[in-house]
Amino acid sequence: MLAERLQREGVEADIVLGVPRGGLPVARPVADALGVPLDIVVAKKMGVPGNPEYAIGAAASDGSVYRNEDAIERTNAGEAYVERARADAAETATNKEETYRQGEAPDLAGKRVVLVDDGVATGATLIACLRLLRETGAARVTVAVPVASPSSLDKLAAEADETIALEDPPDVPGGRAVLRDLRTGERRGGHRLPATRLRGSYFIARDEKPRRATQALVGPMELEEFVSQNAPGETGARFELENSKLLDIDVDEPVMTKAGAMVAFEGDLTFEGKSSAEGGVMGFLKEQASGEGTPVMEVSGQGSVYVADQGKRVQILDLDAGEGISVNGNDVLAFEGSVDYKIGTIGSLGGASAAGLTNVYLTGPGMVAITTHGDPLVLEPPVRTDPDATVAWSENLSPSIETNRSLSDMVGQSSDERYQMAFDGEDGFVVVQPYEELGPQP
């Protein structure tokens, strides 16, 4: 609908910029309709103590800042707090930009830019983005959103060359929740977030909500605020992180999830166990080592399912058609039904743990969610890794098992460190985690 409106208005553009993360699913069809590239622009809201959703301003990744002086005065936010919030917001925006974007930022000098977000309550974030764009020398900037409050449109009109909103509901308290309900993007069938290319695979950036860190700084929240801050997000993405350890899957076509990973679901869903090597990712062949399987579930119907695995961090990957990755069986959390999979084994470790021997080979197209203990490290071959710390590797690599006798007498958790997975070659990547995850023991 937004793309059609822009076309009717005769808006011309050289590039469309989406504001992560909610603005990206809205910006994708706009860029497609206008036939121009899609990129990102990032700013972070500066909230007040006790209410991070109430903006006293925002800072962009280049340091451009918007200060709402009225809000600062009303909330008695001291200058020291404002400066600290600005620095924190600018750093967060910079980190997010680096995570989402591949390569260099586009040259916007003299370009006609369409700036897209999924809705505007106070306008602080978009104003900071607009000021960043002015610094880049953009010739013309059009702001396009599905919904915005009238007061925010007035502020944006003073900064942008043109503003377009499909809806402009009245300003009301708690406007962010109202805007979320009015946004036009349908949750089901939404567009995928643009992904960041990472050495042969696609890792969609995590965008963990900052509410918990904010709460630690400012103290307890009111109950209503707690409920609001921890409600599920609505970005239109099929695989969406509610936080770094909890995945929200929008189910309208079958998806596969690790058995036992479901923590909640909404809607009319059915769960069917896949407990054979022929019918599902069963035990990842661990019967050979432990005599027991590790089945997955097929989830079908209409609704949302929330999945997690022992508090591990969730990493979302978007595989193109024919693109593949091999993942340790312990670390596969979920994948779309369009993803092809098969089971593989790597050598033998004798008495060592089976965790690093059995892997699932996943081939796109489709979304895949894997898990890691802590933040992953991505290495290039040639490299040797501990099998129990190895999470995944690119499809072009074929690891072998090596024995390092010099480690056989080392004192540690086990003597199994003498076994390593050997990744040779010049291309590809290997993902490891800062944790040795032992498989089931016989």
Protein backbone atom coordinates (compact mmCIF):
# COMPACT_ATOMS: atom_id res chain seq x y z
CA MET A 1 0.00 0.00 0.00
CA LEU A 2 2.78 2.44 0.84
CA ALA A 3 4.61 1.63 -2.39
CA GLU A 4 1.41 2.21 -4.39
CA ARG A 5 0.90 5.56 -2.66
CA LEU A 6 4.41 6.69 -3.54
CA GLN A 7 3.89 5.69 -7.16
CA ARG A 8 0.60 7.58 -7.31
CA GLU A 9 2.29 10.64 -5.84
CA GLY A 10 4.96 10.45 -8.53
CA VAL A 11 7.80 10.15 -6.03
CA GLU A 12 11.14 9.58 -7.73
CA ALA A 13 14.09 8.09 -5.92
CA ASP A 14 17.63 6.88 -6.42
CA ILE A 15 17.66 4.79 -3.26
CA VAL A 16 15.33 3.67 -0.46
CA LEU A 17 16.62 3.60 3.12
CA GLY A 18 14.87 1.52 5.79
CA VAL A 19 15.24 2.04 9.53
CA PRO A 20 16.05 -1.31 11.23
CA ARG A 21 14.47 -3.34 12.27
CA GLY A 22 10.75 -2.65 11.80
CA GLY A 23 11.23 -0.35 8.84
CA LEU A 24 13.03 -2.94 6.72
CA PRO A 25 10.05 -5.19 5.88
CA VAL A 26 8.13 -2.03 4.93
CA ALA A 27 11.01 -0.59 2.87
CA ARG A 28 11.65 -3.74 0.82
CA PRO A 29 8.48 -3.59 -1.31
CA VAL A 30 8.90 0.18 -1.66
CA ALA A 31 12.38 -0.26 -3.13
CA ASP A 32 11.14 -3.05 -5.39
CA ALA A 33 8.23 -0.96 -6.66
CA LEU A 34 10.45 2.06 -7.35
CA GLY A 35 13.14 -0.11 -8.92
CA VAL A 36 15.97 1.24 -6.78
CA PRO A 37 18.44 -0.24 -4.29
CA LEU A 38 17.59 -0.74 -0.61
CA ASP A 39 19.97 0.18 2.18
CA ILE A 40 19.70 1.23 5.81
CA VAL A 41 20.02 4.29 8.01
CA VAL A 42 20.22 3.84 11.76
CA ALA A 43 19.40 6.01 14.74
CA LYS A 44 18.66 5.10 18.34
CA LYS A 45 16.08 6.70 20.57
CA MET A 46 17.24 8.41 23.77
CA GLY A 47 14.73 7.44 26.46
CA VAL A 48 14.14 8.97 29.87
CA PRO A 49 14.93 7.20 33.14
CA GLY A 50 12.21 4.67 33.89
CA ASN A 51 10.58 4.95 30.45
CA PRO A 52 12.92 4.14 27.57
CA GLU A 53 10.07 4.39 25.04
CA TYR A 54 9.51 8.07 25.84
CA ALA A 55 12.00 9.89 23.66
CA ILE A 56 13.90 12.96 24.74
CA GLY A 57 15.78 12.73 21.47
CA ALA A 58 17.72 10.36 19.26
CA ALA A 59 21.23 9.92 17.93
CA ALA A 60 22.27 8.56 14.54
CA SER A 61 25.24 6.36 13.76
CA ASP A 62 27.33 9.33 12.57
CA GLY A 63 26.66 11.26 15.79
CA SER A 64 23.87 13.44 14.40
CA VAL A 65 21.49 14.19 17.23
CA TYR A 66 17.96 15.46 17.76
CA ARG A 67 17.11 16.82 21.19
CA ASN A 68 13.51 17.32 22.26
CA GLU A 69 14.10 20.21 24.59
CA ASP A 70 10.49 20.28 25.81
CA ALA A 71 10.67 16.60 26.77
CA ILE A 72 14.03 17.09 28.45
CA GLU A 73 12.61 19.92 30.54
CA ARG A 74 9.39 18.06 31.40
CA THR A 75 11.22 14.97 32.58
CA ASN A 76 13.94 16.84 34.46
CA ALA A 77 16.60 14.87 32.61
CA GLY A 78 19.87 16.51 33.55
CA GLU A 79 22.46 17.47 30.99
CA ALA A 80 24.83 14.76 32.20
CA TYR A 81 22.13 12.12 31.67
CA VAL A 82 21.27 13.51 28.22
CA GLU A 83 24.90 13.42 27.12
CA ARG A 84 25.31 9.88 28.41
CA ALA A 85 22.12 8.82 26.62
CA ARG A 86 23.34 10.47 23.41
CA ALA A 87 26.69 8.69 23.52
CA ASP A 88 25.06 5.33 24.28
CA ALA A 89 22.49 5.80 21.51
CA ALA A 90 25.12 6.76 18.94
CA GLU A 91 27.26 3.74 19.85
CA THR A 92 24.27 1.40 19.64
CA ALA A 93 23.31 2.85 16.26
CA THR A 94 26.84 2.42 14.95
CA ASN A 95 27.00 -1.20 16.09
CA LYS A 96 23.62 -1.97 14.56
CA GLU A 97 24.63 -0.37 11.27
CA GLU A 98 27.80 -2.45 11.11
CA THR A 99 25.80 -5.60 11.82
CA TYR A 100 23.13 -5.00 9.19
CA ARG A 101 25.18 -3.65 6.32
CA GLN A 102 27.58 -5.47 4.05
CA GLY A 103 30.48 -3.37 2.85
CA GLU A 104 30.62 0.39 2.58
CA ALA A 105 27.73 2.79 3.04
CA PRO A 106 26.29 4.13 -0.22
CA ASP A 107 27.29 7.56 -1.47
CA LEU A 108 24.16 9.67 -1.03
CA ALA A 109 25.56 12.98 -2.28
CA GLY A 110 23.11 14.47 -4.79
CA LYS A 111 20.77 11.47 -4.47
CA ARG A 112 16.99 11.43 -4.09
CA VAL A 113 16.27 9.38 -0.98
CA VAL A 114 13.08 7.79 0.32
CA LEU A 115 13.35 7.20 4.07
CA VAL A 116 11.00 4.46 5.35
CA ASP A 117 10.03 3.35 8.85
CA ASP A 118 7.13 1.23 10.10
CA GLY A 119 5.48 4.06 12.03
CA VAL A 120 6.18 7.27 13.90
CA ALA A 121 5.13 8.19 17.42
CA THR A 122 7.39 11.08 18.49
CA GLY A 123 9.48 11.39 15.33
CA ALA A 124 12.76 11.53 17.25
CA THR A 125 14.43 8.59 15.51
CA LEU A 126 13.51 9.75 12.02
CA ILE A 127 14.58 13.33 12.69
CA ALA A 128 18.03 12.07 13.73
CA CYS A 129 18.13 10.00 10.53
CA LEU A 130 17.11 13.03 8.48
CA ARG A 131 19.91 15.10 9.96
CA LEU A 132 22.37 12.34 9.13
CA LEU A 133 21.13 12.33 5.54
CA ARG A 134 21.55 16.07 5.27
CA GLU A 135 25.14 15.69 6.36
CA THR A 136 25.72 13.18 3.55
CA GLY A 137 24.60 15.73 0.94
CA ALA A 138 21.40 14.00 -0.15
CA ALA A 139 19.62 16.22 -2.66
CA ARG A 140 16.07 15.40 -1.61
CA VAL A 141 14.60 13.27 1.18
CA THR A 142 11.04 11.95 1.26
CA VAL A 143 9.81 10.35 4.48
CA ALA A 144 7.30 7.54 3.88
CA VAL A 145 5.57 5.65 6.70
CA PRO A 146 2.38 3.60 7.06
CA VAL A 147 1.24 5.56 10.09
CA ALA A 148 2.29 8.64 12.04
CA SER A 149 0.80 10.95 14.64
CA PRO A 150 -0.08 14.48 13.43
CA SER A 151 2.40 16.13 15.78
CA SER A 152 5.24 13.94 14.54
CA LEU A 153 4.32 14.73 10.93
CA ASP A 154 4.61 18.43 11.72
CA LYS A 155 8.11 17.89 13.11
CA LEU A 156 9.16 15.75 10.16
CA ALA A 157 7.81 18.29 7.66
CA ALA A 158 10.26 20.83 9.06
CA GLU A 159 13.18 18.47 8.37
CA ALA A 160 12.20 16.56 5.21
CA ASP A 161 11.41 17.73 1.70
CA GLU A 162 8.22 15.67 1.68
CA THR A 163 6.34 13.47 4.14
CA ILE A 164 3.83 10.75 3.24
CA ALA A 165 1.81 8.72 5.75
CA LEU A 166 -1.07 6.36 5.01
CA GLU A 167 -2.64 6.92 8.46
CA ASP A 168 -2.41 9.81 10.91
CA PRO A 169 -4.36 8.85 14.04
CA PRO A 170 -4.84 11.48 16.76
CA ASP A 171 -2.11 12.03 19.30
CA VAL A 172 -2.95 10.01 22.39
CA PRO A 173 -1.02 8.81 25.46
CA GLY A 174 0.75 5.56 24.74
CA GLY A 175 0.82 6.44 21.07
CA ARG A 176 3.46 3.84 20.24
CA ALA A 177 1.07 1.00 21.07
CA VAL A 178 -1.69 2.66 19.03
CA LEU A 179 0.64 3.06 16.06
CA ARG A 180 1.71 -0.57 16.30
CA ASP A 181 -1.92 -1.66 16.01
CA LEU A 182 -2.50 0.56 12.98
CA ARG A 183 0.55 -0.38 10.98
CA THR A 184 -0.34 -1.77 7.62
CA GLY A 185 2.19 -4.59 7.16
CA GLU A 186 0.56 -8.00 7.56
CA ARG A 187 2.43 -10.32 9.90
CA ARG A 188 1.90 -13.39 7.78
CA GLY A 189 3.66 -13.44 4.45
CA GLY A 190 5.80 -10.44 5.42
CA HIS A 191 8.99 -9.67 3.57
CA ARG A 192 12.25 -11.00 4.90
CA LEU A 193 14.69 -8.64 6.46
CA PRO A 194 17.70 -7.85 4.31
CA ALA A 195 20.60 -9.96 5.49
CA THR A 196 24.30 -9.44 5.99
CA ARG A 197 26.62 -11.57 3.86
CA LEU A 198 29.08 -13.40 6.06
CA ARG A 199 31.59 -15.58 4.25
CA GLY A 200 29.23 -17.68 2.23
CA SER A 201 26.06 -17.61 4.32
CA TYR A 202 23.48 -15.09 5.46
CA PHE A 203 23.31 -14.06 9.08
CA ILE A 204 20.34 -11.80 9.78
CA ALA A 205 21.38 -9.33 12.39
CA ARG A 206 20.23 -9.72 15.95
CA ASP A 207 18.35 -6.75 17.27
CA GLU A 208 17.95 -7.58 20.91
CA LYS A 209 15.54 -5.21 22.61
CA PRO A 210 17.44 -2.93 25.01
CA ARG A 211 14.74 -2.98 27.66
CA ARG A 212 16.54 -5.23 30.14
CA ALA A 213 19.75 -3.22 30.08
CA THR A 214 17.73 -0.05 30.52
CA GLN A 215 15.86 -1.52 33.46
CA ALA A 216 19.14 -2.39 35.14
CA LEU A 217 20.21 1.24 34.90
CA VAL A 218 17.03 2.93 36.05
CA GLY A 219 15.51 0.42 38.49
CA PRO A 220 12.09 -1.28 38.68
CA MET A 221 9.40 -0.66 36.08
CA GLU A 222 5.72 -0.11 36.60
CA LEU A 223 3.67 -3.23 35.84
CA GLU A 224 2.03 -1.68 32.77
CA GLU A 225 5.44 -0.65 31.44
CA PHE A 226 6.84 -4.13 32.08
CA VAL A 227 3.99 -5.70 30.10
CA SER A 228 4.42 -3.20 27.26
CA GLN A 229 8.20 -3.49 27.07
CA ASN A 230 8.16 -7.29 27.00
CA ALA A 231 5.30 -7.79 24.55
CA PRO A 232 6.14 -9.62 21.29
CA GLY A 233 7.43 -7.46 18.47
CA GLU A 234 5.62 -7.20 15.16
CA THR A 235 8.00 -6.67 12.24
CA GLY A 236 6.39 -8.88 9.60
CA ALA A 237 9.44 -11.17 9.46
CA ARG A 238 8.67 -14.88 9.59
CA PHE A 239 11.64 -15.62 11.86
CA GLU A 240 11.91 -12.84 14.45
CA LEU A 241 14.02 -12.55 17.58
CA GLU A 242 12.03 -11.41 20.59
CA ASN A 243 15.37 -11.29 22.37
CA SER A 244 18.74 -12.89 21.80
CA LYS A 245 17.56 -16.24 23.20
CA LEU A 246 13.94 -16.50 22.07
CA LEU A 247 12.75 -17.01 18.50
CA ASP A 248 9.25 -16.11 17.33
CA ILE A 249 8.21 -18.04 14.21
CA ASP A 250 5.19 -16.91 12.21
CA VAL A 251 3.63 -20.15 11.01
CA ASP A 252 1.55 -20.17 7.85
CA GLU A 253 3.47 -22.97 6.15
CA PRO A 254 5.11 -25.93 7.92
CA VAL A 255 8.35 -25.33 9.80
CA MET A 256 10.65 -27.74 11.60
CA THR A 257 11.73 -27.08 15.19
CA LYS A 258 13.90 -28.93 17.65
CA ALA A 259 11.80 -31.19 19.85
CA GLY A 260 11.36 -29.72 23.31
CA ALA A 261 12.20 -26.20 22.16
CA MET A 262 8.63 -24.85 22.17
CA VAL A 263 7.98 -22.49 25.10
CA ALA A 264 4.60 -21.08 23.94
CA PHE A 265 2.37 -20.82 20.90
CA GLU A 266 -0.60 -18.81 19.66
CA GLY A 267 -3.22 -19.73 17.09
CA ASP A 268 -4.31 -23.03 15.60
CA LEU A 269 -1.12 -25.08 15.38
CA THR A 270 -0.39 -28.78 15.28
CA PHE A 271 2.86 -30.47 16.30
CA GLU A 272 4.00 -33.72 14.74
CA GLY A 273 7.11 -35.50 15.92
CA LYS A 274 9.61 -36.73 13.37
CA SER A 275 11.34 -39.70 14.96
CA SER A 276 13.00 -41.59 12.17
CA ALA A 277 16.06 -40.89 10.09
CA GLU A 278 13.92 -41.18 6.99
CA GLY A 279 11.23 -38.76 8.18
CA GLY A 280 13.11 -36.15 10.14
CA VAL A 281 16.28 -34.98 11.77
CA MET A 282 16.25 -37.89 14.20
CA GLY A 283 18.95 -37.99 16.81
CA PHE A 284 21.37 -36.79 14.15
CA LEU A 285 22.43 -40.43 14.05
CA LYS A 286 23.34 -40.31 17.71
CA GLU A 287 21.80 -43.73 18.23
CA GLN A 288 25.16 -45.03 17.10
CA ALA A 289 26.79 -43.38 20.10
CA SER A 290 24.08 -43.29 22.74
CA GLY A 291 21.23 -45.55 21.67
CA GLU A 292 18.73 -42.71 21.72
CA GLY A 293 17.37 -40.23 19.21
CA THR A 294 16.81 -36.49 19.19
CA PRO A 295 13.62 -35.91 17.17
CA VAL A 296 12.37 -32.65 15.77
CA MET A 297 8.81 -31.44 15.40
CA GLU A 298 6.95 -30.30 12.31
CA VAL A 299 4.78 -27.31 13.19
CA SER A 300 1.88 -26.52 10.87
CA GLY A 301 -1.29 -24.45 10.85
CA GLN A 302 -1.80 -20.72 11.41
CA GLY A 303 -0.26 -18.87 14.32
CA SER A 304 3.01 -18.16 16.11
CA VAL A 305 5.34 -20.50 17.96
CA TYR A 306 8.04 -19.33 20.36
CA VAL A 307 11.11 -21.54 20.64
CA ALA A 308 14.33 -21.52 22.66
CA ASP A 309 17.02 -23.99 23.67
CA GLN A 310 18.54 -23.96 27.15
CA GLY A 311 19.12 -20.21 27.17
CA LYS A 312 21.45 -20.37 24.15
CA ARG A 313 21.71 -17.42 21.79
CA VAL A 314 19.76 -17.70 18.57
CA GLN A 315 21.34 -16.85 15.22
CA ILE A 316 19.07 -16.49 12.17
CA LEU A 317 20.38 -17.34 8.72
CA ASP A 318 18.73 -16.73 5.35
CA LEU A 319 19.90 -19.25 2.76
CA ASP A 320 19.56 -18.53 -0.92
CA ALA A 321 18.44 -21.24 -3.33
CA GLY A 322 21.19 -23.84 -3.52
CA GLU A 323 23.17 -22.25 -0.70
CA GLY A 324 24.02 -24.57 2.17
CA ILE A 325 25.56 -24.85 5.59
CA SER A 326 26.45 -27.79 7.83
CA VAL A 327 25.32 -27.41 11.44
CA ASN A 328 26.05 -29.49 14.52
CA GLY A 329 22.90 -31.45 15.34
CA ASN A 330 22.77 -29.99 18.87
CA ASP A 331 22.65 -26.48 17.45
CA VAL A 332 19.78 -26.69 14.94
CA LEU A 333 16.79 -24.87 16.45
CA ALA A 334 14.38 -24.42 13.52
CA PHE A 335 14.15 -24.12 9.75
CA GLU A 336 11.52 -23.49 7.11
CA GLY A 337 9.88 -26.35 5.27
CA SER A 338 11.46 -25.12 2.03
CA VAL A 339 14.92 -25.97 3.38
CA ASP A 340 16.27 -29.36 2.30
CA TYR A 341 18.20 -31.33 4.91
CA LYS A 342 20.18 -34.49 5.25
CA ILE A 343 22.25 -36.11 7.98
CA GLY A 344 25.99 -36.60 7.81
CA THR A 345 28.75 -37.98 10.00
CA ILE A 346 32.39 -37.02 10.27
CA GLY A 347 34.91 -39.72 11.03
CA SER A 348 35.16 -41.24 14.48
CA LEU A 349 36.53 -39.91 17.72
CA GLY A 350 36.78 -43.24 19.43
CA GLY A 351 35.91 -42.61 23.07
CA ALA A 352 35.39 -38.89 22.56
CA SER A 353 32.06 -37.06 22.66
CA ALA A 354 29.74 -37.54 19.72
CA ALA A 355 28.71 -33.88 19.68
CA GLY A 356 31.09 -32.93 16.91
CA LEU A 357 30.51 -35.98 14.70
CA THR A 358 26.90 -35.73 13.57
CA ASN A 359 25.72 -32.81 11.49
CA VAL A 360 22.72 -31.61 9.55
CA TYR A 361 23.37 -30.34 6.04
CA LEU A 362 20.84 -27.60 5.30
CA THR A 363 20.29 -26.27 1.78
CA GLY A 364 18.19 -23.23 0.86
CA PRO A 365 16.10 -21.46 0.00
CA GLY A 366 14.73 -20.60 3.39
CA MET A 367 15.30 -19.41 6.92
CA VAL A 368 17.35 -21.37 9.44
CA ALA A 369 17.84 -20.69 13.17
CA ILE A 370 20.86 -22.11 14.96
CA THR A 371 21.96 -21.70 18.57
CA THR A 372 25.25 -20.90 20.27
CA HIS A 373 26.43 -20.67 23.84
CA GLY A 374 27.46 -17.01 23.88
CA ASP A 375 28.45 -15.01 20.83
CA PRO A 376 29.85 -17.07 17.95
CA LEU A 377 33.27 -16.61 16.42
CA VAL A 378 33.58 -17.08 12.65
CA LEU A 379 36.99 -18.25 11.42
CA GLU A 380 38.47 -18.81 7.99
CA PRO A 381 40.25 -22.02 7.02
CA PRO A 382 42.74 -23.49 7.46
CA VAL A 383 41.82 -23.94 11.12
CA ARG A 384 41.61 -26.71 13.75
CA THR A 385 38.69 -26.71 16.18
CA ASP A 386 37.46 -28.60 19.23
CA PRO A 387 34.55 -30.77 18.03
CA ASP A 388 32.51 -29.91 21.13
CA ALA A 389 32.88 -26.17 20.44
CA THR A 390 32.23 -26.36 16.69
CA VAL A 391 28.80 -25.13 15.65
CA ALA A 392 28.71 -24.95 11.84
CA TRP A 393 30.71 -24.54 8.66
CA SER A 394 30.19 -23.58 5.05
CA GLU A 395 29.04 -26.22 2.59
CA ASN A 396 32.26 -26.23 0.61
CA LEU A 397 34.31 -27.52 3.54
CA SER A 398 34.80 -31.22 4.36
CA PRO A 399 36.41 -31.52 7.78
CA SER A 400 38.41 -34.49 8.90
CA ILE A 401 39.35 -35.72 12.37
CA GLU A 402 42.92 -35.34 13.54
CA THR A 403 44.63 -36.57 16.69
CA ASN A 404 47.11 -34.32 18.49
CA ARG A 405 49.12 -36.52 20.81
CA SER A 406 50.70 -33.51 22.47
CA LEU A 407 47.33 -32.75 24.05
CA SER A 408 46.61 -36.28 25.21
CA ASP A 409 48.12 -35.76 28.64
CA MET A 410 46.93 -32.21 29.22
CA VAL A 411 44.87 -31.60 32.32
CA GLY A 412 41.42 -30.26 31.51
CA GLN A 413 37.76 -31.16 31.43
CA SER A 414 38.58 -34.30 29.49
CA SER A 415 41.35 -35.81 27.44
CA ASP A 416 39.17 -35.49 24.34
CA GLU A 417 40.96 -32.24 23.43
CA ARG A 418 43.50 -34.38 21.62
CA TYR A 419 40.89 -34.77 18.86
CA GLN A 420 40.37 -31.84 16.52
CA MET A 421 38.29 -31.13 13.47
CA ALA A 422 40.58 -30.10 10.62
CA PHE A 423 39.24 -27.57 8.13
CA ASP A 424 41.56 -27.05 5.17
CA GLY A 425 41.20 -24.90 2.10
CA GLU A 426 41.19 -21.21 1.26
CA ASP A 427 37.48 -20.38 1.10
CA GLY A 428 34.56 -20.72 3.46
CA PHE A 429 34.02 -20.24 7.18
CA VAL A 430 33.81 -22.15 10.44
CA VAL A 431 31.60 -21.11 13.36
CA VAL A 432 32.72 -21.89 16.91
CA GLN A 433 31.30 -20.98 20.31
CA PRO A 434 33.00 -20.19 23.64
CA TYR A 435 31.70 -23.41 25.19
CA GLU A 436 32.34 -27.15 24.91
CA GLU A 437 28.93 -28.76 24.42
CA LEU A 438 29.12 -32.46 25.20
CA GLY A 439 26.70 -34.76 23.44
CA PRO A 440 24.66 -37.53 25.07
CA GLN A 441 26.84 -40.07 26.80
CA PRO A 442 26.25 -43.83 26.54
